[in-house]
Amino acid sequence: MFFEYIILYKYFVFCLIIVLILFSISFFFIYQNIDQQKISSYECGFDPFGDSRTKFEIRFYIVGILFIIFDLELSFLFPWLVIIHNEFTFYNVIYMLIFIFLLALGFIYELIKGALDWE
């Protein structure tokens, strides 16, 4: 019933193994130098200064939202590839090309509107 997800499960297990290997290498083979500034309440190592209520530029929020939108839409490609692995038809390819075209069209629209300009 869920045989299409076996590839996704293998991918998840592979990624988990890679993460555990990299974490263990960095934890056991790198010298840990603990001093008073590193274990202080601020991770940057020094006391804060200035006002914490400074305004952020709206561009940071726009870029973040655009990244989330396009990243989530591109995450639909992986399940489509798993499904198309079993039944490769012309209509499936056309549907995904339409999806990618609309995604690219939205990205071009954002570029034209200047949402990613840093002037």
N, C-alpha and C. Protein backbone atom coordinates (compact mmCIF):
# COMPACT_ATOMS: atom_id res chain seq x y z
N MET A 1 0.82 -1.19 0.00
CA MET A 1 0.00 0.00 0.00
C MET A 1 0.87 1.26 0.00
N PHE A 2 1.88 1.29 0.84
CA PHE A 2 2.75 2.46 0.93
C PHE A 2 4.14 2.16 0.39
N PHE A 3 4.21 1.38 -0.67
CA PHE A 3 5.50 1.00 -1.23
C PHE A 3 6.21 2.18 -1.88
N GLU A 4 5.47 3.21 -2.24
CA GLU A 4 6.10 4.39 -2.85
C GLU A 4 6.97 5.14 -1.85
N TYR A 5 6.68 4.96 -0.57
CA TYR A 5 7.41 5.71 0.45
C TYR A 5 8.65 4.99 0.94
N ILE A 6 8.94 3.82 0.40
CA ILE A 6 10.14 3.10 0.81
C ILE A 6 11.39 3.89 0.42
N ILE A 7 11.38 4.51 -0.74
CA ILE A 7 12.51 5.33 -1.18
C ILE A 7 12.68 6.53 -0.25
N LEU A 8 11.57 7.14 0.15
CA LEU A 8 11.63 8.26 1.07
C LEU A 8 12.15 7.81 2.43
N TYR A 9 11.76 6.63 2.88
CA TYR A 9 12.25 6.10 4.14
C TYR A 9 13.75 5.84 4.07
N LYS A 10 14.22 5.27 2.97
CA LYS A 10 15.65 5.03 2.80
C LYS A 10 16.42 6.35 2.80
N TYR A 11 15.87 7.37 2.16
CA TYR A 11 16.50 8.69 2.13
C TYR A 11 16.59 9.28 3.54
N PHE A 12 15.52 9.14 4.30
CA PHE A 12 15.49 9.65 5.67
C PHE A 12 16.52 8.93 6.53
N VAL A 13 16.61 7.63 6.43
CA VAL A 13 17.57 6.86 7.21
C VAL A 13 19.00 7.23 6.81
N PHE A 14 19.25 7.38 5.52
CA PHE A 14 20.57 7.78 5.04
C PHE A 14 20.96 9.15 5.61
N CYS A 15 20.04 10.11 5.57
CA CYS A 15 20.32 11.45 6.11
C CYS A 15 20.57 11.40 7.62
N LEU A 16 19.82 10.58 8.32
CA LEU A 16 20.00 10.45 9.77
C LEU A 16 21.36 9.85 10.10
N ILE A 17 21.78 8.87 9.33
CA ILE A 17 23.10 8.26 9.56
C ILE A 17 24.21 9.28 9.29
N ILE A 18 24.09 10.04 8.22
CA ILE A 18 25.09 11.07 7.91
C ILE A 18 25.16 12.11 9.02
N VAL A 19 24.00 12.55 9.52
CA VAL A 19 23.98 13.55 10.58
C VAL A 19 24.62 13.01 11.85
N LEU A 20 24.31 11.78 12.20
CA LEU A 20 24.90 11.20 13.40
C LEU A 20 26.42 11.02 13.27
N ILE A 21 26.88 10.64 12.10
CA ILE A 21 28.32 10.50 11.88
C ILE A 21 29.01 11.86 12.00
N LEU A 22 28.45 12.87 11.35
CA LEU A 22 29.08 14.20 11.42
C LEU A 22 29.05 14.78 12.82
N PHE A 23 27.94 14.55 13.54
CA PHE A 23 27.85 15.05 14.91
C PHE A 23 28.86 14.35 15.81
N SER A 24 28.99 13.05 15.66
CA SER A 24 29.94 12.34 16.52
C SER A 24 31.38 12.72 16.20
N ILE A 25 31.69 12.94 14.93
CA ILE A 25 33.05 13.37 14.57
C ILE A 25 33.35 14.73 15.19
N SER A 26 32.41 15.67 15.08
CA SER A 26 32.66 17.00 15.62
C SER A 26 32.66 17.01 17.15
N PHE A 27 31.93 16.11 17.77
CA PHE A 27 31.87 16.10 19.24
C PHE A 27 33.10 15.45 19.85
N PHE A 28 33.58 14.37 19.25
CA PHE A 28 34.67 13.62 19.87
C PHE A 28 36.06 14.08 19.42
N PHE A 29 36.20 14.65 18.27
CA PHE A 29 37.52 14.96 17.76
C PHE A 29 37.90 16.44 17.82
N ILE A 30 37.00 17.29 18.24
CA ILE A 30 37.31 18.72 18.34
C ILE A 30 37.48 19.08 19.81
N TYR A 31 38.53 19.81 20.11
CA TYR A 31 38.82 20.21 21.48
C TYR A 31 37.76 21.21 21.96
N GLN A 32 37.17 20.92 23.10
CA GLN A 32 36.14 21.77 23.68
C GLN A 32 36.79 22.67 24.74
N ASN A 33 36.87 23.97 24.45
CA ASN A 33 37.47 24.94 25.36
C ASN A 33 36.34 25.72 26.02
N ILE A 34 36.07 25.41 27.28
CA ILE A 34 34.98 26.07 28.00
C ILE A 34 35.58 27.16 28.88
N ASP A 35 35.10 28.39 28.71
CA ASP A 35 35.52 29.47 29.57
C ASP A 35 34.27 30.21 30.06
N GLN A 36 34.48 31.20 30.89
CA GLN A 36 33.36 31.88 31.54
C GLN A 36 32.49 32.64 30.53
N GLN A 37 33.08 33.20 29.48
CA GLN A 37 32.28 33.95 28.52
C GLN A 37 31.40 33.04 27.67
N LYS A 38 31.88 31.84 27.38
CA LYS A 38 31.09 30.94 26.56
C LYS A 38 29.89 30.38 27.31
N ILE A 39 29.99 30.24 28.61
CA ILE A 39 28.86 29.69 29.37
C ILE A 39 27.99 30.78 29.98
N SER A 40 28.23 32.03 29.57
CA SER A 40 27.38 33.11 30.06
C SER A 40 26.01 33.03 29.39
N SER A 41 25.11 33.87 29.83
CA SER A 41 23.73 33.79 29.34
C SER A 41 23.57 34.28 27.90
N TYR A 42 24.55 34.97 27.36
CA TYR A 42 24.49 35.44 25.99
C TYR A 42 25.48 34.66 25.16
N GLU A 43 25.03 34.12 24.05
CA GLU A 43 25.90 33.25 23.28
C GLU A 43 26.99 33.99 22.52
N CYS A 44 26.86 35.29 22.36
CA CYS A 44 27.88 36.03 21.61
C CYS A 44 29.11 36.28 22.46
N GLY A 45 29.02 36.14 23.79
CA GLY A 45 30.20 36.24 24.62
C GLY A 45 30.39 37.57 25.31
N PHE A 46 29.57 38.57 25.05
CA PHE A 46 29.71 39.83 25.75
C PHE A 46 28.32 40.34 26.13
N ASP A 47 28.29 41.24 27.09
CA ASP A 47 27.02 41.77 27.56
C ASP A 47 26.37 42.62 26.48
N PRO A 48 25.04 42.60 26.42
CA PRO A 48 24.36 43.39 25.38
C PRO A 48 24.49 44.88 25.64
N PHE A 49 24.42 45.64 24.57
CA PHE A 49 24.48 47.08 24.68
C PHE A 49 23.44 47.67 23.73
N GLY A 50 23.00 48.84 24.00
CA GLY A 50 22.01 49.50 23.16
C GLY A 50 20.60 49.06 23.49
N ASP A 51 19.66 49.52 22.69
CA ASP A 51 18.25 49.22 22.91
C ASP A 51 17.87 47.95 22.16
N SER A 52 17.12 47.10 22.81
CA SER A 52 16.70 45.85 22.16
C SER A 52 15.47 46.05 21.28
N ARG A 53 14.93 47.23 21.24
CA ARG A 53 13.72 47.49 20.46
C ARG A 53 14.02 48.21 19.15
N THR A 54 15.19 47.97 18.59
CA THR A 54 15.50 48.58 17.30
C THR A 54 14.68 47.92 16.21
N LYS A 55 14.35 48.69 15.21
CA LYS A 55 13.51 48.18 14.12
C LYS A 55 14.37 47.45 13.09
N PHE A 56 13.84 46.35 12.61
CA PHE A 56 14.49 45.62 11.53
C PHE A 56 13.95 46.12 10.20
N GLU A 57 14.76 45.97 9.19
CA GLU A 57 14.31 46.31 7.85
C GLU A 57 13.26 45.31 7.38
N ILE A 58 12.29 45.77 6.65
CA ILE A 58 11.23 44.90 6.15
C ILE A 58 11.77 43.91 5.13
N ARG A 59 12.92 44.25 4.52
CA ARG A 59 13.52 43.36 3.51
C ARG A 59 13.90 42.00 4.10
N PHE A 60 14.32 41.98 5.36
CA PHE A 60 14.65 40.70 5.98
C PHE A 60 13.43 39.80 6.06
N TYR A 61 12.30 40.35 6.42
CA TYR A 61 11.07 39.57 6.50
C TYR A 61 10.61 39.11 5.12
N ILE A 62 10.71 39.98 4.14
CA ILE A 62 10.27 39.62 2.78
C ILE A 62 11.13 38.50 2.22
N VAL A 63 12.43 38.60 2.39
CA VAL A 63 13.32 37.55 1.89
C VAL A 63 13.05 36.24 2.63
N GLY A 64 12.82 36.30 3.92
CA GLY A 64 12.51 35.10 4.69
C GLY A 64 11.22 34.44 4.25
N ILE A 65 10.18 35.24 4.04
CA ILE A 65 8.89 34.70 3.60
C ILE A 65 9.00 34.13 2.20
N LEU A 66 9.70 34.82 1.31
CA LEU A 66 9.88 34.29 -0.04
C LEU A 66 10.67 32.99 -0.04
N PHE A 67 11.67 32.90 0.81
CA PHE A 67 12.43 31.65 0.91
C PHE A 67 11.54 30.51 1.38
N ILE A 68 10.72 30.76 2.39
CA ILE A 68 9.83 29.70 2.89
C ILE A 68 8.83 29.29 1.83
N ILE A 69 8.26 30.24 1.12
CA ILE A 69 7.27 29.91 0.09
C ILE A 69 7.89 29.06 -1.01
N PHE A 70 9.01 29.50 -1.56
CA PHE A 70 9.60 28.76 -2.67
C PHE A 70 10.23 27.45 -2.21
N ASP A 71 10.73 27.41 -0.99
CA ASP A 71 11.29 26.17 -0.48
C ASP A 71 10.20 25.12 -0.27
N LEU A 72 9.07 25.53 0.26
CA LEU A 72 7.96 24.58 0.46
C LEU A 72 7.38 24.11 -0.86
N GLU A 73 7.31 24.99 -1.83
CA GLU A 73 6.78 24.57 -3.12
C GLU A 73 7.73 23.61 -3.83
N LEU A 74 9.02 23.82 -3.66
CA LEU A 74 9.97 22.89 -4.26
C LEU A 74 10.02 21.56 -3.54
N SER A 75 9.57 21.53 -2.29
CA SER A 75 9.54 20.25 -1.58
C SER A 75 8.46 19.32 -2.13
N PHE A 76 7.56 19.81 -2.97
CA PHE A 76 6.57 18.94 -3.61
C PHE A 76 7.19 18.13 -4.75
N LEU A 77 8.38 18.49 -5.18
CA LEU A 77 9.01 17.75 -6.27
C LEU A 77 9.45 16.35 -5.85
N PHE A 78 9.89 16.19 -4.61
CA PHE A 78 10.39 14.89 -4.19
C PHE A 78 9.30 13.82 -4.15
N PRO A 79 8.12 14.06 -3.56
CA PRO A 79 7.07 13.04 -3.63
C PRO A 79 6.61 12.77 -5.05
N TRP A 80 6.63 13.79 -5.91
CA TRP A 80 6.25 13.57 -7.30
C TRP A 80 7.24 12.63 -7.98
N LEU A 81 8.54 12.79 -7.68
CA LEU A 81 9.53 11.90 -8.26
C LEU A 81 9.36 10.47 -7.77
N VAL A 82 8.94 10.30 -6.53
CA VAL A 82 8.70 8.96 -6.00
C VAL A 82 7.52 8.32 -6.71
N ILE A 83 6.47 9.08 -6.95
CA ILE A 83 5.28 8.54 -7.61
C ILE A 83 5.56 8.27 -9.08
N ILE A 84 6.26 9.18 -9.74
CA ILE A 84 6.50 9.01 -11.17
C ILE A 84 7.48 7.87 -11.45
N HIS A 85 8.18 7.42 -10.41
CA HIS A 85 9.09 6.29 -10.57
C HIS A 85 8.33 5.03 -11.01
N ASN A 86 7.10 4.88 -10.56
CA ASN A 86 6.31 3.69 -10.88
C ASN A 86 5.51 3.84 -12.16
N GLU A 87 4.96 4.99 -12.41
CA GLU A 87 4.15 5.19 -13.61
C GLU A 87 4.58 6.48 -14.31
N PHE A 88 5.34 6.33 -15.34
CA PHE A 88 5.87 7.47 -16.08
C PHE A 88 4.96 7.71 -17.28
N THR A 89 4.15 8.77 -17.20
CA THR A 89 3.26 9.10 -18.31
C THR A 89 3.55 10.52 -18.78
N PHE A 90 3.09 10.81 -19.95
CA PHE A 90 3.29 12.13 -20.55
C PHE A 90 2.53 13.19 -19.75
N TYR A 91 1.35 12.86 -19.25
CA TYR A 91 0.54 13.83 -18.52
C TYR A 91 1.18 14.21 -17.18
N ASN A 92 1.83 13.26 -16.52
CA ASN A 92 2.51 13.58 -15.27
C ASN A 92 3.63 14.59 -15.49
N VAL A 93 4.37 14.41 -16.56
CA VAL A 93 5.46 15.33 -16.87
C VAL A 93 4.91 16.71 -17.20
N ILE A 94 3.82 16.76 -17.96
CA ILE A 94 3.20 18.05 -18.32
C ILE A 94 2.70 18.77 -17.07
N TYR A 95 2.06 18.03 -16.15
CA TYR A 95 1.58 18.66 -14.92
C TYR A 95 2.72 19.25 -14.10
N MET A 96 3.83 18.54 -14.00
CA MET A 96 4.94 19.07 -13.22
C MET A 96 5.62 20.22 -13.95
N LEU A 97 5.69 20.19 -15.26
CA LEU A 97 6.25 21.32 -16.00
C LEU A 97 5.39 22.57 -15.83
N ILE A 98 4.08 22.39 -15.79
CA ILE A 98 3.19 23.53 -15.53
C ILE A 98 3.43 24.08 -14.13
N PHE A 99 3.60 23.17 -13.15
CA PHE A 99 3.86 23.60 -11.77
C PHE A 99 5.17 24.37 -11.68
N ILE A 100 6.22 23.86 -12.32
CA ILE A 100 7.52 24.54 -12.29
C ILE A 100 7.45 25.86 -13.04
N PHE A 101 6.69 25.92 -14.14
CA PHE A 101 6.54 27.16 -14.88
C PHE A 101 5.83 28.22 -14.02
N LEU A 102 4.78 27.83 -13.31
CA LEU A 102 4.08 28.79 -12.45
C LEU A 102 4.97 29.24 -11.29
N LEU A 103 5.77 28.34 -10.78
CA LEU A 103 6.71 28.70 -9.72
C LEU A 103 7.74 29.70 -10.23
N ALA A 104 8.28 29.45 -11.42
CA ALA A 104 9.24 30.38 -12.02
C ALA A 104 8.58 31.71 -12.35
N LEU A 105 7.34 31.67 -12.79
CA LEU A 105 6.62 32.89 -13.09
C LEU A 105 6.43 33.74 -11.83
N GLY A 106 6.11 33.11 -10.71
CA GLY A 106 5.99 33.84 -9.44
C GLY A 106 7.31 34.43 -9.00
N PHE A 107 8.39 33.69 -9.20
CA PHE A 107 9.71 34.20 -8.83
C PHE A 107 10.11 35.39 -9.72
N ILE A 108 9.83 35.30 -11.00
CA ILE A 108 10.13 36.42 -11.91
C ILE A 108 9.30 37.64 -11.55
N TYR A 109 8.04 37.42 -11.16
CA TYR A 109 7.20 38.53 -10.72
C TYR A 109 7.79 39.22 -9.49
N GLU A 110 8.31 38.43 -8.54
CA GLU A 110 8.92 39.03 -7.36
C GLU A 110 10.20 39.79 -7.72
N LEU A 111 10.95 39.30 -8.68
CA LEU A 111 12.14 40.02 -9.12
C LEU A 111 11.77 41.33 -9.79
N ILE A 112 10.72 41.32 -10.60
CA ILE A 112 10.28 42.56 -11.28
C ILE A 112 9.76 43.57 -10.28
N LYS A 113 9.04 43.10 -9.26
CA LYS A 113 8.50 44.02 -8.24
C LYS A 113 9.61 44.58 -7.33
N GLY A 114 10.79 43.96 -7.39
CA GLY A 114 11.91 44.47 -6.60
C GLY A 114 11.93 43.97 -5.16
N ALA A 115 11.35 42.82 -4.90
CA ALA A 115 11.32 42.32 -3.53
C ALA A 115 12.70 41.90 -3.03
N LEU A 116 13.62 41.61 -3.94
CA LEU A 116 14.95 41.16 -3.53
C LEU A 116 16.01 42.22 -3.73
N ASP A 117 15.64 43.46 -4.00
CA ASP A 117 16.61 44.53 -4.16
C ASP A 117 17.07 45.03 -2.78
N TRP A 118 18.37 45.28 -2.64
CA TRP A 118 18.94 45.73 -1.37
C TRP A 118 19.49 47.15 -1.47
N GLU A 119 18.79 48.00 -2.16
CA GLU A 119 19.26 49.39 -2.31
C GLU A 119 18.81 50.25 -1.17
